[in-house]
Amino acid sequence: MKVINKQLLDTTSNKAKASTRLRINHNFHTNTDVTINRLLNAMEPGSYIRPHRHLNPDKEEIFLVLRGKIGLILFDNQGNITETLILDPSAGTYGAEIEPGI
């Protein structure tokens, strides 16, 4: 059984703090060829994930925030902002699923 607990969160967060990108993955999948990539992504303040979308293959992306908060920004094909959302469990917004190609 793979357990997500405080120790795993603390260990992964400490690795993220030591990373130049201020984020790091803890992968639960054994290789990237599996249909679903399952991972814990620790992101520290100042980290940034560039806008991207999953087209080949089309796949959903799910964000669940366990602690802290992150901002999500969705864009149309021309790069215009279409939606924004702050995921913050302390405010009752825990996650979001983004459809393929968005």
PDB file of N, CA and C in Angstrom:
ATOM      1  N   MET A   1       0.848  -1.168   0.000  1.00  0.00           N
ATOM      2  CA  MET A   1       0.000   0.000   0.000  1.00  0.00           C
ATOM      3  C   MET A   1       0.899   1.238   0.000  1.00  0.00           C
ATOM      4  N   LYS A   2       0.514   2.221  -0.783  1.00  0.00           N
ATOM      5  CA  LYS A   2       1.234   3.493  -0.826  1.00  0.00           C
ATOM      6  C   LYS A   2       0.420   4.507  -0.019  1.00  0.00           C
ATOM      7  N   VAL A   3       1.045   5.070   0.993  1.00  0.00           N
ATOM      8  CA  VAL A   3       0.347   5.951   1.923  1.00  0.00           C
ATOM      9  C   VAL A   3       0.853   7.380   1.762  1.00  0.00           C
ATOM     10  N   ILE A   4      -0.074   8.312   1.726  1.00  0.00           N
ATOM     11  CA  ILE A   4       0.263   9.738   1.724  1.00  0.00           C
ATOM     12  C   ILE A   4       0.025  10.236   3.142  1.00  0.00           C
ATOM     13  N   ASN A   5       1.113  10.541   3.845  1.00  0.00           N
ATOM     14  CA  ASN A   5       1.003  10.992   5.226  1.00  0.00           C
ATOM     15  C   ASN A   5       1.887  12.222   5.437  1.00  0.00           C
ATOM     16  N   LYS A   6       1.880  12.726   6.653  1.00  0.00           N
ATOM     17  CA  LYS A   6       2.648  13.928   6.974  1.00  0.00           C
ATOM     18  C   LYS A   6       4.129  13.730   6.696  1.00  0.00           C
ATOM     19  N   GLN A   7       4.656  12.566   7.025  1.00  0.00           N
ATOM     20  CA  GLN A   7       6.084  12.300   6.798  1.00  0.00           C
ATOM     21  C   GLN A   7       6.423  12.400   5.304  1.00  0.00           C
ATOM     22  N   LEU A   8       5.595  11.806   4.439  1.00  0.00           N
ATOM     23  CA  LEU A   8       5.843  11.889   2.998  1.00  0.00           C
ATOM     24  C   LEU A   8       5.748  13.334   2.514  1.00  0.00           C
ATOM     25  N   LEU A   9       4.740  14.068   2.991  1.00  0.00           N
ATOM     26  CA  LEU A   9       4.602  15.466   2.590  1.00  0.00           C
ATOM     27  C   LEU A   9       5.800  16.292   3.047  1.00  0.00           C
ATOM     28  N   ASP A  10       6.227  16.103   4.283  1.00  0.00           N
ATOM     29  CA  ASP A  10       7.373  16.851   4.808  1.00  0.00           C
ATOM     30  C   ASP A  10       8.649  16.526   4.043  1.00  0.00           C
ATOM     31  N   THR A  11       8.901  15.249   3.800  1.00  0.00           N
ATOM     32  CA  THR A  11      10.105  14.824   3.079  1.00  0.00           C
ATOM     33  C   THR A  11      10.114  15.393   1.666  1.00  0.00           C
ATOM     34  N   THR A  12       8.980  15.302   0.973  1.00  0.00           N
ATOM     35  CA  THR A  12       8.898  15.801  -0.404  1.00  0.00           C
ATOM     36  C   THR A  12       9.009  17.317  -0.428  1.00  0.00           C
ATOM     37  N   SER A  13       8.398  17.997   0.527  1.00  0.00           N
ATOM     38  CA  SER A  13       8.510  19.459   0.605  1.00  0.00           C
ATOM     39  C   SER A  13       9.955  19.888   0.849  1.00  0.00           C
ATOM     40  N   ASN A  14      10.658  19.182   1.711  1.00  0.00           N
ATOM     41  CA  ASN A  14      12.065  19.520   1.963  1.00  0.00           C
ATOM     42  C   ASN A  14      12.920  19.350   0.714  1.00  0.00           C
ATOM     43  N   LYS A  15      12.638  18.317  -0.069  1.00  0.00           N
ATOM     44  CA  LYS A  15      13.350  18.130  -1.337  1.00  0.00           C
ATOM     45  C   LYS A  15      13.024  19.270  -2.311  1.00  0.00           C
ATOM     46  N   ALA A  16      11.778  19.702  -2.321  1.00  0.00           N
ATOM     47  CA  ALA A  16      11.378  20.810  -3.198  1.00  0.00           C
ATOM     48  C   ALA A  16      12.087  22.101  -2.798  1.00  0.00           C
ATOM     49  N   LYS A  17      12.181  22.352  -1.515  1.00  0.00           N
ATOM     50  CA  LYS A  17      12.863  23.556  -1.028  1.00  0.00           C
ATOM     51  C   LYS A  17      14.333  23.573  -1.443  1.00  0.00           C
ATOM     52  N   ALA A  18      14.951  22.412  -1.548  1.00  0.00           N
ATOM     53  CA  ALA A  18      16.363  22.311  -1.930  1.00  0.00           C
ATOM     54  C   ALA A  18      16.559  22.339  -3.450  1.00  0.00           C
ATOM     55  N   SER A  19      15.484  22.215  -4.203  1.00  0.00           N
ATOM     56  CA  SER A  19      15.558  22.189  -5.665  1.00  0.00           C
ATOM     57  C   SER A  19      15.627  23.611  -6.229  1.00  0.00           C
ATOM     58  N   THR A  20      16.377  23.792  -7.303  1.00  0.00           N
ATOM     59  CA  THR A  20      16.463  25.126  -7.925  1.00  0.00           C
ATOM     60  C   THR A  20      15.118  25.574  -8.492  1.00  0.00           C
ATOM     61  N   ARG A  21      14.264  24.613  -8.889  1.00  0.00           N
ATOM     62  CA  ARG A  21      12.932  24.953  -9.418  1.00  0.00           C
ATOM     63  C   ARG A  21      11.889  25.101  -8.315  1.00  0.00           C
ATOM     64  N   LEU A  22      12.275  24.808  -7.086  1.00  0.00           N
ATOM     65  CA  LEU A  22      11.384  24.886  -5.916  1.00  0.00           C
ATOM     66  C   LEU A  22      10.183  23.951  -6.020  1.00  0.00           C
ATOM     67  N   ARG A  23      10.355  22.861  -6.750  1.00  0.00           N
ATOM     68  CA  ARG A  23       9.314  21.833  -6.806  1.00  0.00           C
ATOM     69  C   ARG A  23       9.963  20.507  -7.137  1.00  0.00           C
ATOM     70  N   ILE A  24       9.277  19.435  -6.771  1.00  0.00           N
ATOM     71  CA  ILE A  24       9.780  18.089  -7.051  1.00  0.00           C
ATOM     72  C   ILE A  24       8.606  17.117  -7.043  1.00  0.00           C
ATOM     73  N   ASN A  25       8.713  16.084  -7.838  1.00  0.00           N
ATOM     74  CA  ASN A  25       7.695  15.033  -7.885  1.00  0.00           C
ATOM     75  C   ASN A  25       8.098  13.862  -7.006  1.00  0.00           C
ATOM     76  N   HIS A  26       7.110  13.268  -6.370  1.00  0.00           N
ATOM     77  CA  HIS A  26       7.258  11.951  -5.758  1.00  0.00           C
ATOM     78  C   HIS A  26       6.336  11.053  -6.571  1.00  0.00           C
ATOM     79  N   ASN A  27       6.909  10.222  -7.433  1.00  0.00           N
ATOM     80  CA  ASN A  27       6.106   9.393  -8.330  1.00  0.00           C
ATOM     81  C   ASN A  27       5.634   8.122  -7.641  1.00  0.00           C
ATOM     82  N   PHE A  28       4.372   7.790  -7.882  1.00  0.00           N
ATOM     83  CA  PHE A  28       3.816   6.524  -7.427  1.00  0.00           C
ATOM     84  C   PHE A  28       3.837   5.502  -8.561  1.00  0.00           C
ATOM     85  N   HIS A  29       3.871   5.973  -9.816  1.00  0.00           N
ATOM     86  CA  HIS A  29       3.972   5.074 -10.962  1.00  0.00           C
ATOM     87  C   HIS A  29       5.437   4.673 -11.148  1.00  0.00           C
ATOM     88  N   THR A  30       5.662   3.490 -11.703  1.00  0.00           N
ATOM     89  CA  THR A  30       7.022   2.980 -11.845  1.00  0.00           C
ATOM     90  C   THR A  30       7.696   3.411 -13.146  1.00  0.00           C
ATOM     91  N   ASN A  31       6.903   3.751 -14.163  1.00  0.00           N
ATOM     92  CA  ASN A  31       7.463   4.282 -15.412  1.00  0.00           C
ATOM     93  C   ASN A  31       6.413   5.144 -16.100  1.00  0.00           C
ATOM     94  N   THR A  32       6.850   5.964 -17.044  1.00  0.00           N
ATOM     95  CA  THR A  32       5.939   6.919 -17.689  1.00  0.00           C
ATOM     96  C   THR A  32       5.109   6.288 -18.803  1.00  0.00           C
ATOM     97  N   ASP A  33       5.313   5.009 -19.092  1.00  0.00           N
ATOM     98  CA  ASP A  33       4.524   4.333 -20.122  1.00  0.00           C
ATOM     99  C   ASP A  33       3.156   3.887 -19.627  1.00  0.00           C
ATOM    100  N   VAL A  34       2.932   3.965 -18.321  1.00  0.00           N
ATOM    101  CA  VAL A  34       1.636   3.559 -17.782  1.00  0.00           C
ATOM    102  C   VAL A  34       0.563   4.543 -18.232  1.00  0.00           C
ATOM    103  N   THR A  35      -0.680   4.081 -18.269  1.00  0.00           N
ATOM    104  CA  THR A  35      -1.781   4.912 -18.742  1.00  0.00           C
ATOM    105  C   THR A  35      -1.976   6.158 -17.887  1.00  0.00           C
ATOM    106  N   ILE A  36      -1.888   5.993 -16.581  1.00  0.00           N
ATOM    107  CA  ILE A  36      -2.095   7.110 -15.669  1.00  0.00           C
ATOM    108  C   ILE A  36      -0.828   7.331 -14.849  1.00  0.00           C
ATOM    109  N   ASN A  37      -0.304   8.549 -14.914  1.00  0.00           N
ATOM    110  CA  ASN A  37       0.847   8.909 -14.086  1.00  0.00           C
ATOM    111  C   ASN A  37       0.325   9.455 -12.773  1.00  0.00           C
ATOM    112  N   ARG A  38       0.678   8.803 -11.667  1.00  0.00           N
ATOM    113  CA  ARG A  38       0.223   9.212 -10.345  1.00  0.00           C
ATOM    114  C   ARG A  38       1.422   9.761  -9.600  1.00  0.00           C
ATOM    115  N   LEU A  39       1.298  10.980  -9.135  1.00  0.00           N
ATOM    116  CA  LEU A  39       2.431  11.603  -8.460  1.00  0.00           C
ATOM    117  C   LEU A  39       1.964  12.656  -7.476  1.00  0.00           C
ATOM    118  N   LEU A  40       2.842  12.886  -6.528  1.00  0.00           N
ATOM    119  CA  LEU A  40       2.681  13.972  -5.569  1.00  0.00           C
ATOM    120  C   LEU A  40       3.662  15.046  -6.021  1.00  0.00           C
ATOM    121  N   ASN A  41       3.196  16.243  -6.263  1.00  0.00           N
ATOM    122  CA  ASN A  41       4.051  17.324  -6.736  1.00  0.00           C
ATOM    123  C   ASN A  41       4.152  18.363  -5.630  1.00  0.00           C
ATOM    124  N   ALA A  42       5.300  18.420  -4.967  1.00  0.00           N
ATOM    125  CA  ALA A  42       5.525  19.431  -3.930  1.00  0.00           C
ATOM    126  C   ALA A  42       6.024  20.693  -4.607  1.00  0.00           C
ATOM    127  N   MET A  43       5.314  21.780  -4.383  1.00  0.00           N
ATOM    128  CA  MET A  43       5.656  23.074  -4.973  1.00  0.00           C
ATOM    129  C   MET A  43       5.786  24.096  -3.851  1.00  0.00           C
ATOM    130  N   GLU A  44       6.901  24.767  -3.820  1.00  0.00           N
ATOM    131  CA  GLU A  44       7.150  25.779  -2.804  1.00  0.00           C
ATOM    132  C   GLU A  44       6.848  27.167  -3.368  1.00  0.00           C
ATOM    133  N   PRO A  45       6.600  28.169  -2.502  1.00  0.00           N
ATOM    134  CA  PRO A  45       6.361  29.534  -2.989  1.00  0.00           C
ATOM    135  C   PRO A  45       7.488  29.978  -3.922  1.00  0.00           C
ATOM    136  N   GLY A  46       7.098  30.576  -5.043  1.00  0.00           N
ATOM    137  CA  GLY A  46       8.053  31.013  -6.054  1.00  0.00           C
ATOM    138  C   GLY A  46       8.213  30.025  -7.190  1.00  0.00           C
ATOM    139  N   SER A  47       7.641  28.826  -7.044  1.00  0.00           N
ATOM    140  CA  SER A  47       7.693  27.838  -8.114  1.00  0.00           C
ATOM    141  C   SER A  47       6.690  28.209  -9.198  1.00  0.00           C
ATOM    142  N   TYR A  48       6.937  27.715 -10.410  1.00  0.00           N
ATOM    143  CA  TYR A  48       6.079  28.057 -11.536  1.00  0.00           C
ATOM    144  C   TYR A  48       6.025  26.883 -12.498  1.00  0.00           C
ATOM    145  N   ILE A  49       4.847  26.549 -12.952  1.00  0.00           N
ATOM    146  CA  ILE A  49       4.677  25.552 -14.007  1.00  0.00           C
ATOM    147  C   ILE A  49       4.157  26.292 -15.225  1.00  0.00           C
ATOM    148  N   ARG A  50       4.900  26.224 -16.312  1.00  0.00           N
ATOM    149  CA  ARG A  50       4.516  26.972 -17.508  1.00  0.00           C
ATOM    150  C   ARG A  50       3.198  26.435 -18.063  1.00  0.00           C
ATOM    151  N   PRO A  51       2.448  27.295 -18.735  1.00  0.00           N
ATOM    152  CA  PRO A  51       1.200  26.822 -19.350  1.00  0.00           C
ATOM    153  C   PRO A  51       1.484  25.673 -20.311  1.00  0.00           C
ATOM    154  N   HIS A  52       0.654  24.664 -20.255  1.00  0.00           N
ATOM    155  CA  HIS A  52       0.789  23.502 -21.123  1.00  0.00           C
ATOM    156  C   HIS A  52      -0.570  22.828 -21.250  1.00  0.00           C
ATOM    157  N   ARG A  53      -0.677  21.939 -22.206  1.00  0.00           N
ATOM    158  CA  ARG A  53      -1.876  21.123 -22.334  1.00  0.00           C
ATOM    159  C   ARG A  53      -1.483  19.754 -22.859  1.00  0.00           C
ATOM    160  N   HIS A  54      -2.347  18.804 -22.582  1.00  0.00           N
ATOM    161  CA  HIS A  54      -2.076  17.427 -22.973  1.00  0.00           C
ATOM    162  C   HIS A  54      -2.915  17.083 -24.200  1.00  0.00           C
ATOM    163  N   LEU A  55      -2.224  16.977 -25.347  1.00  0.00           N
ATOM    164  CA  LEU A  55      -2.907  16.683 -26.600  1.00  0.00           C
ATOM    165  C   LEU A  55      -2.629  15.276 -27.116  1.00  0.00           C
ATOM    166  N   ASN A  56      -1.426  14.767 -26.892  1.00  0.00           N
ATOM    167  CA  ASN A  56      -1.066  13.487 -27.461  1.00  0.00           C
ATOM    168  C   ASN A  56      -0.321  12.664 -26.423  1.00  0.00           C
ATOM    169  N   PRO A  57      -0.982  11.801 -25.722  1.00  0.00           N
ATOM    170  CA  PRO A  57      -2.412  11.528 -25.859  1.00  0.00           C
ATOM    171  C   PRO A  57      -3.250  12.538 -25.077  1.00  0.00           C
ATOM    172  N   ASP A  58      -4.507  12.665 -25.507  1.00  0.00           N
ATOM    173  CA  ASP A  58      -5.441  13.489 -24.740  1.00  0.00           C
ATOM    174  C   ASP A  58      -5.587  12.878 -23.354  1.00  0.00           C
ATOM    175  N   LYS A  59      -5.375  13.675 -22.316  1.00  0.00           N
ATOM    176  CA  LYS A  59      -5.603  13.157 -20.970  1.00  0.00           C
ATOM    177  C   LYS A  59      -5.962  14.291 -20.036  1.00  0.00           C
ATOM    178  N   GLU A  60      -6.791  13.941 -19.060  1.00  0.00           N
ATOM    179  CA  GLU A  60      -7.169  14.892 -18.036  1.00  0.00           C
ATOM    180  C   GLU A  60      -5.984  15.136 -17.120  1.00  0.00           C
ATOM    181  N   GLU A  61      -6.057  16.269 -16.429  1.00  0.00           N
ATOM    182  CA  GLU A  61      -5.080  16.550 -15.387  1.00  0.00           C
ATOM    183  C   GLU A  61      -5.870  16.948 -14.150  1.00  0.00           C
ATOM    184  N   ILE A  62      -5.528  16.340 -13.028  1.00  0.00           N
ATOM    185  CA  ILE A  62      -6.252  16.611 -11.790  1.00  0.00           C
ATOM    186  C   ILE A  62      -5.285  17.203 -10.774  1.00  0.00           C
ATOM    187  N   PHE A  63      -5.707  18.292 -10.169  1.00  0.00           N
ATOM    188  CA  PHE A  63      -4.952  18.926  -9.099  1.00  0.00           C
ATOM    189  C   PHE A  63      -5.736  18.772  -7.810  1.00  0.00           C
ATOM    190  N   LEU A  64      -5.120  18.202  -6.798  1.00  0.00           N
ATOM    191  CA  LEU A  64      -5.689  18.123  -5.457  1.00  0.00           C
ATOM    192  C   LEU A  64      -4.660  18.723  -4.513  1.00  0.00           C
ATOM    193  N   VAL A  65      -5.061  19.742  -3.784  1.00  0.00           N
ATOM    194  CA  VAL A  65      -4.128  20.429  -2.891  1.00  0.00           C
ATOM    195  C   VAL A  65      -4.308  19.883  -1.487  1.00  0.00           C
ATOM    196  N   LEU A  66      -3.217  19.355  -0.931  1.00  0.00           N
ATOM    197  CA  LEU A  66      -3.260  18.782   0.414  1.00  0.00           C
ATOM    198  C   LEU A  66      -2.924  19.815   1.478  1.00  0.00           C
ATOM    199  N   ARG A  67      -2.031  20.761   1.143  1.00  0.00           N
ATOM    200  CA  ARG A  67      -1.732  21.872   2.046  1.00  0.00           C
ATOM    201  C   ARG A  67      -1.131  22.999   1.221  1.00  0.00           C
ATOM    202  N   GLY A  68      -1.237  24.203   1.752  1.00  0.00           N
ATOM    203  CA  GLY A  68      -0.808  25.377   0.994  1.00  0.00           C
ATOM    204  C   GLY A  68      -1.893  25.785   0.018  1.00  0.00           C
ATOM    205  N   LYS A  69      -1.519  26.509  -1.014  1.00  0.00           N
ATOM    206  CA  LYS A  69      -2.481  26.885  -2.044  1.00  0.00           C
ATOM    207  C   LYS A  69      -1.742  27.169  -3.346  1.00  0.00           C
ATOM    208  N   ILE A  70      -2.470  27.017  -4.459  1.00  0.00           N
ATOM    209  CA  ILE A  70      -1.915  27.307  -5.782  1.00  0.00           C
ATOM    210  C   ILE A  70      -2.964  28.019  -6.622  1.00  0.00           C
ATOM    211  N   GLY A  71      -2.497  28.744  -7.599  1.00  0.00           N
ATOM    212  CA  GLY A  71      -3.382  29.399  -8.556  1.00  0.00           C
ATOM    213  C   GLY A  71      -3.362  28.647  -9.873  1.00  0.00           C
ATOM    214  N   LEU A  72      -4.542  28.464 -10.460  1.00  0.00           N
ATOM    215  CA  LEU A  72      -4.665  27.861 -11.779  1.00  0.00           C
ATOM    216  C   LEU A  72      -5.171  28.924 -12.748  1.00  0.00           C
ATOM    217  N   ILE A  73      -4.596  28.943 -13.938  1.00  0.00           N
ATOM    218  CA  ILE A  73      -5.028  29.861 -14.988  1.00  0.00           C
ATOM    219  C   ILE A  73      -5.255  29.042 -16.244  1.00  0.00           C
ATOM    220  N   LEU A  74      -6.446  29.152 -16.838  1.00  0.00           N
ATOM    221  CA  LEU A  74      -6.759  28.467 -18.090  1.00  0.00           C
ATOM    222  C   LEU A  74      -6.751  29.476 -19.229  1.00  0.00           C
ATOM    223  N   PHE A  75      -6.292  29.028 -20.401  1.00  0.00           N
ATOM    224  CA  PHE A  75      -6.163  29.884 -21.580  1.00  0.00           C
ATOM    225  C   PHE A  75      -6.914  29.274 -22.759  1.00  0.00           C
ATOM    226  N   ASP A  76      -7.324  30.127 -23.699  1.00  0.00           N
ATOM    227  CA  ASP A  76      -7.874  29.622 -24.953  1.00  0.00           C
ATOM    228  C   ASP A  76      -6.723  29.418 -25.944  1.00  0.00           C
ATOM    229  N   ASN A  77      -7.043  29.032 -27.177  1.00  0.00           N
ATOM    230  CA  ASN A  77      -6.008  28.741 -28.180  1.00  0.00           C
ATOM    231  C   ASN A  77      -5.187  29.962 -28.573  1.00  0.00           C
ATOM    232  N   GLN A  78      -5.711  31.167 -28.330  1.00  0.00           N
ATOM    233  CA  GLN A  78      -4.984  32.391 -28.644  1.00  0.00           C
ATOM    234  C   GLN A  78      -4.160  32.910 -27.458  1.00  0.00           C
ATOM    235  N   GLY A  79      -4.220  32.226 -26.337  1.00  0.00           N
ATOM    236  CA  GLY A  79      -3.458  32.634 -25.167  1.00  0.00           C
ATOM    237  C   GLY A  79      -4.194  33.594 -24.250  1.00  0.00           C
ATOM    238  N   ASN A  80      -5.482  33.808 -24.491  1.00  0.00           N
ATOM    239  CA  ASN A  80      -6.284  34.670 -23.625  1.00  0.00           C
ATOM    240  C   ASN A  80      -6.727  33.895 -22.383  1.00  0.00           C
ATOM    241  N   ILE A  81      -6.706  34.546 -21.253  1.00  0.00           N
ATOM    242  CA  ILE A  81      -7.160  33.914 -20.009  1.00  0.00           C
ATOM    243  C   ILE A  81      -8.666  33.706 -20.075  1.00  0.00           C
ATOM    244  N   THR A  82      -9.097  32.467 -19.815  1.00  0.00           N
ATOM    245  CA  THR A  82     -10.526  32.157 -19.836  1.00  0.00           C
ATOM    246  C   THR A  82     -11.085  31.864 -18.450  1.00  0.00           C
ATOM    247  N   GLU A  83     -10.199  31.469 -17.530  1.00  0.00           N
ATOM    248  CA  GLU A  83     -10.674  31.128 -16.185  1.00  0.00           C
ATOM    249  C   GLU A  83      -9.493  31.137 -15.218  1.00  0.00           C
ATOM    250  N   THR A  84      -9.753  31.549 -13.992  1.00  0.00           N
ATOM    251  CA  THR A  84      -8.741  31.483 -12.933  1.00  0.00           C
ATOM    252  C   THR A  84      -9.377  30.873 -11.688  1.00  0.00           C
ATOM    253  N   LEU A  85      -8.542  30.244 -10.891  1.00  0.00           N
ATOM    254  CA  LEU A  85      -9.035  29.602  -9.676  1.00  0.00           C
ATOM    255  C   LEU A  85      -7.884  29.475  -8.690  1.00  0.00           C
ATOM    256  N   ILE A  86      -8.146  29.781  -7.447  1.00  0.00           N
ATOM    257  CA  ILE A  86      -7.194  29.531  -6.365  1.00  0.00           C
ATOM    258  C   ILE A  86      -7.632  28.267  -5.655  1.00  0.00           C
ATOM    259  N   LEU A  87      -6.746  27.273  -5.620  1.00  0.00           N
ATOM    260  CA  LEU A  87      -7.015  26.051  -4.855  1.00  0.00           C
ATOM    261  C   LEU A  87      -6.412  26.243  -3.473  1.00  0.00           C
ATOM    262  N   ASP A  88      -7.271  26.206  -2.464  1.00  0.00           N
ATOM    263  CA  ASP A  88      -6.856  26.488  -1.097  1.00  0.00           C
ATOM    264  C   ASP A  88      -7.732  25.674  -0.148  1.00  0.00           C
ATOM    265  N   PRO A  89      -7.210  24.567   0.370  1.00  0.00           N
ATOM    266  CA  PRO A  89      -8.032  23.728   1.244  1.00  0.00           C
ATOM    267  C   PRO A  89      -8.560  24.457   2.473  1.00  0.00           C
ATOM    268  N   SER A  90      -7.838  25.461   2.972  1.00  0.00           N
ATOM    269  CA  SER A  90      -8.323  26.185   4.143  1.00  0.00           C
ATOM    270  C   SER A  90      -9.539  27.037   3.806  1.00  0.00           C
ATOM    271  N   ALA A  91      -9.749  27.319   2.511  1.00  0.00           N
ATOM    272  CA  ALA A  91     -10.921  28.083   2.073  1.00  0.00           C
ATOM    273  C   ALA A  91     -12.005  27.178   1.489  1.00  0.00           C
ATOM    274  N   GLY A  92     -11.757  25.857   1.488  1.00  0.00           N
ATOM    275  CA  GLY A  92     -12.767  24.917   1.009  1.00  0.00           C
ATOM    276  C   GLY A  92     -12.683  24.589  -0.475  1.00  0.00           C
ATOM    277  N   THR A  93     -11.638  25.007  -1.166  1.00  0.00           N
ATOM    278  CA  THR A  93     -11.451  24.664  -2.575  1.00  0.00           C
ATOM    279  C   THR A  93     -10.252  23.722  -2.662  1.00  0.00           C
ATOM    280  N   TYR A  94     -10.522  22.446  -2.836  1.00  0.00           N
ATOM    281  CA  TYR A  94      -9.513  21.401  -2.693  1.00  0.00           C
ATOM    282  C   TYR A  94      -8.850  20.969  -4.002  1.00  0.00           C
ATOM    283  N   GLY A  95      -9.561  21.093  -5.111  1.00  0.00           N
ATOM    284  CA  GLY A  95      -8.978  20.586  -6.347  1.00  0.00           C
ATOM    285  C   GLY A  95      -9.790  20.958  -7.561  1.00  0.00           C
ATOM    286  N   ALA A  96      -9.234  20.580  -8.710  1.00  0.00           N
ATOM    287  CA  ALA A  96      -9.890  20.838  -9.991  1.00  0.00           C
ATOM    288  C   ALA A  96      -9.415  19.794 -10.998  1.00  0.00           C
ATOM    289  N   GLU A  97     -10.295  19.441 -11.915  1.00  0.00           N
ATOM    290  CA  GLU A  97      -9.929  18.564 -13.021  1.00  0.00           C
ATOM    291  C   GLU A  97      -9.987  19.374 -14.299  1.00  0.00           C
ATOM    292  N   ILE A  98      -8.924  19.286 -15.078  1.00  0.00           N
ATOM    293  CA  ILE A  98      -8.838  20.013 -16.340  1.00  0.00           C
ATOM    294  C   ILE A  98      -8.994  19.004 -17.474  1.00  0.00           C
ATOM    295  N   GLU A  99      -9.911  19.286 -18.379  1.00  0.00           N
ATOM    296  CA  GLU A  99     -10.215  18.387 -19.489  1.00  0.00           C
ATOM    297  C   GLU A  99      -9.046  18.298 -20.470  1.00  0.00           C
ATOM    298  N   PRO A 100      -8.977  17.224 -21.246  1.00  0.00           N
ATOM    299  CA  PRO A 100      -7.911  17.098 -22.233  1.00  0.00           C
ATOM    300  C   PRO A 100      -7.911  18.274 -23.220  1.00  0.00           C
ATOM    301  N   GLY A 101      -6.721  18.720 -23.608  1.00  0.00           N
ATOM    302  CA  GLY A 101      -6.591  19.760 -24.611  1.00  0.00           C
ATOM    303  C   GLY A 101      -6.778  21.169 -24.105  1.00  0.00           C
ATOM    304  N   ILE A 102      -7.080  21.344 -22.825  1.00  0.00           N
ATOM    305  CA  ILE A 102      -7.270  22.693 -22.267  1.00  0.00           C
ATOM    306  C   ILE A 102      -5.936  23.224 -21.806  1.00  0.00           C
TER     307      ILE A 102
END
